[in-house]
Amino acid sequence: MQPSTGNIFSDPLVNKNTPESFESLVVTDDLLIERIVTGETFTTPGPWYDQDKDEWVVLLQGHAELEFEDDEVLSLNRGDYIFIPAHKRHRVKAVSKSPNCIWLAIHGNLK
């Protein structure tokens, strides 16, 4: 396996009309580490995520709101992180557009 490099703060949305970008940084049978860049302010909340794996996510840049099925809304700013257990239904309610949000998400059996 060759070393892989990049810049976590590069913004793939700058020259694209895509509101969201997913980049897998590490993928194994038991683990997924991905970088997510979002630059769209949602006028309606996104779809519910009901994931088979636990997720630990940190917001590296921007501001975002996550909504959970029990009506809890969590406001995240740069540096804030959260552990979301598998099958805890959640969705992105809103994100900042300037600056775009940059997330680092780790998926796996993390308990």
N, C-alpha and C. Protein backbone atom coordinates (compact mmCIF):
# COMPACT_ATOMS: atom_id res chain seq x y z
N MET A 1 0.84 -1.18 0.00
CA MET A 1 0.00 0.00 0.00
C MET A 1 0.89 1.24 0.00
N GLN A 2 0.60 2.17 -0.88
CA GLN A 2 1.36 3.42 -0.99
C GLN A 2 0.86 4.44 0.02
N PRO A 3 1.75 5.29 0.54
CA PRO A 3 1.30 6.37 1.42
C PRO A 3 0.32 7.28 0.67
N SER A 4 -0.64 7.79 1.40
CA SER A 4 -1.64 8.68 0.82
C SER A 4 -1.59 10.00 1.57
N THR A 5 -1.59 11.11 0.83
CA THR A 5 -1.52 12.42 1.46
C THR A 5 -2.59 13.33 0.88
N GLY A 6 -2.83 14.40 1.57
CA GLY A 6 -3.80 15.39 1.12
C GLY A 6 -3.85 16.50 2.15
N ASN A 7 -4.78 17.41 1.97
CA ASN A 7 -4.96 18.50 2.92
C ASN A 7 -6.40 18.48 3.39
N ILE A 8 -6.59 18.28 4.69
CA ILE A 8 -7.93 18.15 5.26
C ILE A 8 -8.76 19.41 5.05
N PHE A 9 -8.10 20.58 4.88
CA PHE A 9 -8.81 21.84 4.75
C PHE A 9 -9.01 22.29 3.30
N SER A 10 -8.55 21.51 2.32
CA SER A 10 -8.82 21.89 0.93
C SER A 10 -10.32 21.84 0.70
N ASP A 11 -10.80 22.70 -0.17
CA ASP A 11 -12.24 22.83 -0.37
C ASP A 11 -12.62 22.43 -1.78
N PRO A 12 -13.14 21.21 -1.96
CA PRO A 12 -13.51 20.75 -3.30
C PRO A 12 -14.75 21.44 -3.86
N LEU A 13 -15.45 22.22 -3.05
CA LEU A 13 -16.67 22.86 -3.51
C LEU A 13 -16.43 24.23 -4.14
N VAL A 14 -15.21 24.74 -4.04
CA VAL A 14 -14.92 26.09 -4.51
C VAL A 14 -15.26 26.25 -5.99
N ASN A 15 -14.90 25.30 -6.82
CA ASN A 15 -15.12 25.43 -8.25
C ASN A 15 -16.17 24.46 -8.78
N LYS A 16 -17.04 23.98 -7.91
CA LYS A 16 -18.07 23.04 -8.34
C LYS A 16 -19.44 23.56 -7.95
N ASN A 17 -20.44 23.04 -8.58
CA ASN A 17 -21.82 23.37 -8.24
C ASN A 17 -22.43 22.32 -7.32
N THR A 18 -21.58 21.49 -6.72
CA THR A 18 -22.03 20.43 -5.84
C THR A 18 -22.11 20.95 -4.41
N PRO A 19 -23.23 20.75 -3.71
CA PRO A 19 -23.36 21.26 -2.35
C PRO A 19 -22.66 20.41 -1.30
N GLU A 20 -22.21 19.19 -1.67
CA GLU A 20 -21.65 18.28 -0.69
C GLU A 20 -20.64 17.36 -1.36
N SER A 21 -19.55 17.07 -0.63
CA SER A 21 -18.50 16.21 -1.15
C SER A 21 -18.09 15.20 -0.07
N PHE A 22 -17.98 13.92 -0.45
CA PHE A 22 -17.53 12.87 0.45
C PHE A 22 -16.22 12.30 -0.09
N GLU A 23 -15.22 12.19 0.78
CA GLU A 23 -13.93 11.62 0.38
C GLU A 23 -13.51 10.58 1.40
N SER A 24 -13.41 9.32 0.97
CA SER A 24 -12.96 8.25 1.85
C SER A 24 -11.45 8.35 2.02
N LEU A 25 -11.00 8.50 3.25
CA LEU A 25 -9.57 8.62 3.53
C LEU A 25 -8.95 7.28 3.93
N VAL A 26 -9.69 6.48 4.70
CA VAL A 26 -9.26 5.15 5.11
C VAL A 26 -10.48 4.24 5.04
N VAL A 27 -10.33 3.10 4.37
CA VAL A 27 -11.42 2.15 4.27
C VAL A 27 -10.88 0.75 4.55
N THR A 28 -11.45 0.11 5.58
CA THR A 28 -11.17 -1.30 5.85
C THR A 28 -12.51 -1.99 6.07
N ASP A 29 -12.48 -3.29 6.33
CA ASP A 29 -13.72 -4.01 6.61
C ASP A 29 -14.41 -3.48 7.86
N ASP A 30 -13.63 -2.95 8.81
CA ASP A 30 -14.16 -2.55 10.11
C ASP A 30 -14.19 -1.05 10.34
N LEU A 31 -13.64 -0.27 9.42
CA LEU A 31 -13.46 1.16 9.69
C LEU A 31 -13.58 1.98 8.40
N LEU A 32 -14.25 3.12 8.52
CA LEU A 32 -14.29 4.10 7.43
C LEU A 32 -13.98 5.46 8.03
N ILE A 33 -12.98 6.13 7.52
CA ILE A 33 -12.69 7.51 7.90
C ILE A 33 -12.91 8.33 6.65
N GLU A 34 -13.80 9.32 6.77
CA GLU A 34 -14.10 10.13 5.60
C GLU A 34 -14.10 11.61 5.94
N ARG A 35 -13.81 12.38 4.91
CA ARG A 35 -13.88 13.84 5.00
C ARG A 35 -15.12 14.25 4.23
N ILE A 36 -15.93 15.09 4.86
CA ILE A 36 -17.16 15.56 4.24
C ILE A 36 -17.10 17.08 4.21
N VAL A 37 -17.38 17.64 3.05
CA VAL A 37 -17.45 19.10 2.91
C VAL A 37 -18.85 19.45 2.47
N THR A 38 -19.52 20.33 3.24
CA THR A 38 -20.87 20.77 2.91
C THR A 38 -20.87 22.28 2.79
N GLY A 39 -21.54 22.79 1.78
CA GLY A 39 -21.56 24.22 1.56
C GLY A 39 -22.93 24.75 1.23
N GLU A 40 -23.94 24.01 1.57
CA GLU A 40 -25.30 24.42 1.23
C GLU A 40 -26.07 24.65 2.52
N THR A 41 -26.77 25.77 2.61
CA THR A 41 -27.68 25.99 3.72
C THR A 41 -28.99 25.32 3.35
N PHE A 42 -29.38 24.34 4.13
CA PHE A 42 -30.57 23.56 3.82
C PHE A 42 -31.83 24.40 4.05
N THR A 43 -32.74 24.42 3.08
CA THR A 43 -34.03 25.07 3.28
C THR A 43 -35.00 24.09 3.92
N THR A 44 -34.77 22.80 3.69
CA THR A 44 -35.49 21.75 4.40
C THR A 44 -34.44 20.77 4.90
N PRO A 45 -34.67 20.13 6.05
CA PRO A 45 -33.68 19.18 6.55
C PRO A 45 -33.43 18.05 5.57
N GLY A 46 -32.22 17.52 5.62
CA GLY A 46 -31.86 16.39 4.77
C GLY A 46 -32.55 15.11 5.23
N PRO A 47 -32.29 14.00 4.55
CA PRO A 47 -32.92 12.74 4.93
C PRO A 47 -32.37 12.22 6.26
N TRP A 48 -33.13 11.36 6.92
CA TRP A 48 -32.66 10.73 8.15
C TRP A 48 -31.57 9.72 7.82
N TYR A 49 -30.50 9.75 8.60
CA TYR A 49 -29.46 8.72 8.52
C TYR A 49 -29.77 7.68 9.58
N ASP A 50 -29.77 6.42 9.20
CA ASP A 50 -29.95 5.30 10.12
C ASP A 50 -28.83 4.32 9.79
N GLN A 51 -27.68 4.53 10.40
CA GLN A 51 -26.46 3.84 10.01
C GLN A 51 -26.25 2.57 10.82
N ASP A 52 -25.69 1.55 10.17
CA ASP A 52 -25.40 0.27 10.82
C ASP A 52 -24.19 0.34 11.74
N LYS A 53 -23.36 1.35 11.57
CA LYS A 53 -22.13 1.49 12.36
C LYS A 53 -22.21 2.74 13.24
N ASP A 54 -21.44 2.73 14.33
CA ASP A 54 -21.28 3.93 15.14
C ASP A 54 -20.56 4.99 14.33
N GLU A 55 -20.75 6.25 14.71
CA GLU A 55 -20.06 7.35 14.02
C GLU A 55 -19.54 8.34 15.06
N TRP A 56 -18.27 8.69 14.92
CA TRP A 56 -17.68 9.79 15.69
C TRP A 56 -17.33 10.85 14.66
N VAL A 57 -17.82 12.07 14.89
CA VAL A 57 -17.60 13.12 13.89
C VAL A 57 -17.14 14.39 14.59
N VAL A 58 -16.22 15.09 13.96
CA VAL A 58 -15.75 16.40 14.46
C VAL A 58 -15.93 17.41 13.33
N LEU A 59 -16.42 18.58 13.69
CA LEU A 59 -16.56 19.67 12.73
C LEU A 59 -15.27 20.48 12.77
N LEU A 60 -14.53 20.47 11.68
CA LEU A 60 -13.23 21.15 11.63
C LEU A 60 -13.34 22.61 11.21
N GLN A 61 -14.41 22.93 10.50
CA GLN A 61 -14.59 24.30 9.99
C GLN A 61 -16.08 24.55 9.80
N GLY A 62 -16.53 25.77 10.12
CA GLY A 62 -17.90 26.15 9.87
C GLY A 62 -18.79 25.98 11.08
N HIS A 63 -20.10 26.02 10.83
CA HIS A 63 -21.13 25.86 11.85
C HIS A 63 -22.21 24.95 11.27
N ALA A 64 -22.74 24.06 12.10
CA ALA A 64 -23.77 23.13 11.62
C ALA A 64 -24.75 22.81 12.74
N GLU A 65 -25.92 22.35 12.34
CA GLU A 65 -26.91 21.85 13.28
C GLU A 65 -27.29 20.43 12.87
N LEU A 66 -27.23 19.53 13.84
CA LEU A 66 -27.70 18.17 13.65
C LEU A 66 -29.02 18.02 14.38
N GLU A 67 -29.95 17.31 13.77
CA GLU A 67 -31.25 17.06 14.38
C GLU A 67 -31.40 15.56 14.57
N PHE A 68 -31.94 15.17 15.72
CA PHE A 68 -32.17 13.77 16.02
C PHE A 68 -33.66 13.49 16.01
N GLU A 69 -34.02 12.24 15.79
CA GLU A 69 -35.42 11.86 15.63
C GLU A 69 -36.26 12.23 16.86
N ASP A 70 -35.64 12.33 18.03
CA ASP A 70 -36.38 12.69 19.25
C ASP A 70 -36.52 14.21 19.39
N ASP A 71 -36.30 14.95 18.30
CA ASP A 71 -36.43 16.42 18.22
C ASP A 71 -35.28 17.18 18.88
N GLU A 72 -34.27 16.49 19.36
CA GLU A 72 -33.09 17.18 19.89
C GLU A 72 -32.33 17.81 18.73
N VAL A 73 -31.90 19.05 18.90
CA VAL A 73 -31.07 19.74 17.91
C VAL A 73 -29.76 20.10 18.58
N LEU A 74 -28.67 19.74 17.94
CA LEU A 74 -27.34 20.01 18.47
C LEU A 74 -26.64 20.99 17.55
N SER A 75 -26.19 22.09 18.12
CA SER A 75 -25.45 23.11 17.37
C SER A 75 -23.96 22.81 17.51
N LEU A 76 -23.26 22.74 16.39
CA LEU A 76 -21.83 22.44 16.37
C LEU A 76 -21.06 23.60 15.77
N ASN A 77 -19.95 23.94 16.40
CA ASN A 77 -19.02 24.93 15.89
C ASN A 77 -17.66 24.27 15.69
N ARG A 78 -16.75 24.98 15.10
CA ARG A 78 -15.41 24.45 14.81
C ARG A 78 -14.82 23.79 16.06
N GLY A 79 -14.39 22.55 15.90
CA GLY A 79 -13.77 21.81 16.99
C GLY A 79 -14.72 20.95 17.79
N ASP A 80 -16.03 21.15 17.64
CA ASP A 80 -17.00 20.33 18.38
C ASP A 80 -17.09 18.94 17.75
N TYR A 81 -17.26 17.94 18.62
CA TYR A 81 -17.40 16.57 18.14
C TYR A 81 -18.54 15.88 18.86
N ILE A 82 -18.99 14.77 18.28
CA ILE A 82 -20.09 14.00 18.84
C ILE A 82 -19.90 12.53 18.46
N PHE A 83 -20.30 11.66 19.38
CA PHE A 83 -20.39 10.22 19.12
C PHE A 83 -21.85 9.90 18.89
N ILE A 84 -22.16 9.27 17.76
CA ILE A 84 -23.53 8.90 17.41
C ILE A 84 -23.59 7.37 17.31
N PRO A 85 -24.30 6.73 18.24
CA PRO A 85 -24.38 5.26 18.19
C PRO A 85 -25.10 4.79 16.93
N ALA A 86 -24.79 3.56 16.52
CA ALA A 86 -25.46 2.95 15.37
C ALA A 86 -26.98 3.02 15.57
N HIS A 87 -27.68 3.29 14.50
CA HIS A 87 -29.15 3.35 14.43
C HIS A 87 -29.77 4.49 15.22
N LYS A 88 -28.97 5.46 15.66
CA LYS A 88 -29.52 6.69 16.25
C LYS A 88 -29.85 7.59 15.06
N ARG A 89 -31.12 7.69 14.74
CA ARG A 89 -31.53 8.43 13.53
C ARG A 89 -31.25 9.92 13.70
N HIS A 90 -30.55 10.47 12.70
CA HIS A 90 -30.16 11.87 12.74
C HIS A 90 -30.07 12.41 11.32
N ARG A 91 -30.02 13.72 11.23
CA ARG A 91 -29.85 14.36 9.91
C ARG A 91 -29.23 15.73 10.10
N VAL A 92 -28.71 16.25 9.01
CA VAL A 92 -28.16 17.60 9.01
C VAL A 92 -29.33 18.56 8.82
N LYS A 93 -29.48 19.46 9.77
CA LYS A 93 -30.57 20.44 9.69
C LYS A 93 -30.12 21.70 8.97
N ALA A 94 -28.89 22.15 9.25
CA ALA A 94 -28.37 23.37 8.61
C ALA A 94 -26.85 23.36 8.67
N VAL A 95 -26.24 24.01 7.69
CA VAL A 95 -24.77 24.19 7.69
C VAL A 95 -24.45 25.59 7.19
N SER A 96 -23.30 26.09 7.60
CA SER A 96 -22.85 27.39 7.10
C SER A 96 -22.38 27.24 5.67
N LYS A 97 -22.50 28.31 4.93
CA LYS A 97 -22.03 28.33 3.55
C LYS A 97 -20.71 29.07 3.44
N SER A 98 -20.48 29.99 4.35
CA SER A 98 -19.24 30.75 4.33
C SER A 98 -18.74 30.90 5.76
N PRO A 99 -17.80 30.10 6.21
CA PRO A 99 -17.09 29.10 5.41
C PRO A 99 -17.90 27.82 5.27
N ASN A 100 -17.56 27.05 4.23
CA ASN A 100 -18.13 25.72 4.09
C ASN A 100 -17.77 24.88 5.31
N CYS A 101 -18.61 23.91 5.63
CA CYS A 101 -18.31 23.00 6.72
C CYS A 101 -17.37 21.91 6.24
N ILE A 102 -16.38 21.62 7.05
CA ILE A 102 -15.49 20.49 6.81
C ILE A 102 -15.59 19.58 8.03
N TRP A 103 -15.97 18.34 7.78
CA TRP A 103 -16.18 17.34 8.82
C TRP A 103 -15.16 16.21 8.66
N LEU A 104 -14.78 15.61 9.77
CA LEU A 104 -14.02 14.35 9.75
C LEU A 104 -14.89 13.34 10.46
N ALA A 105 -15.27 12.28 9.77
CA ALA A 105 -16.18 11.28 10.32
C ALA A 105 -15.49 9.93 10.36
N ILE A 106 -15.64 9.25 11.49
CA ILE A 106 -15.09 7.91 11.67
C ILE A 106 -16.25 6.96 11.93
N HIS A 107 -16.38 5.94 11.08
CA HIS A 107 -17.48 4.98 11.18
C HIS A 107 -16.90 3.60 11.51
N GLY A 108 -17.54 2.90 12.42
CA GLY A 108 -17.11 1.54 12.77
C GLY A 108 -17.82 1.09 14.04
N ASN A 109 -17.39 -0.04 14.57
CA ASN A 109 -17.90 -0.51 15.86
C ASN A 109 -17.00 0.13 16.92
N LEU A 110 -17.42 1.29 17.40
CA LEU A 110 -16.54 2.15 18.20
C LEU A 110 -16.81 2.09 19.69
N LYS A 111 -17.78 1.37 20.12
CA LYS A 111 -18.14 1.36 21.54
C LYS A 111 -17.07 0.74 22.39
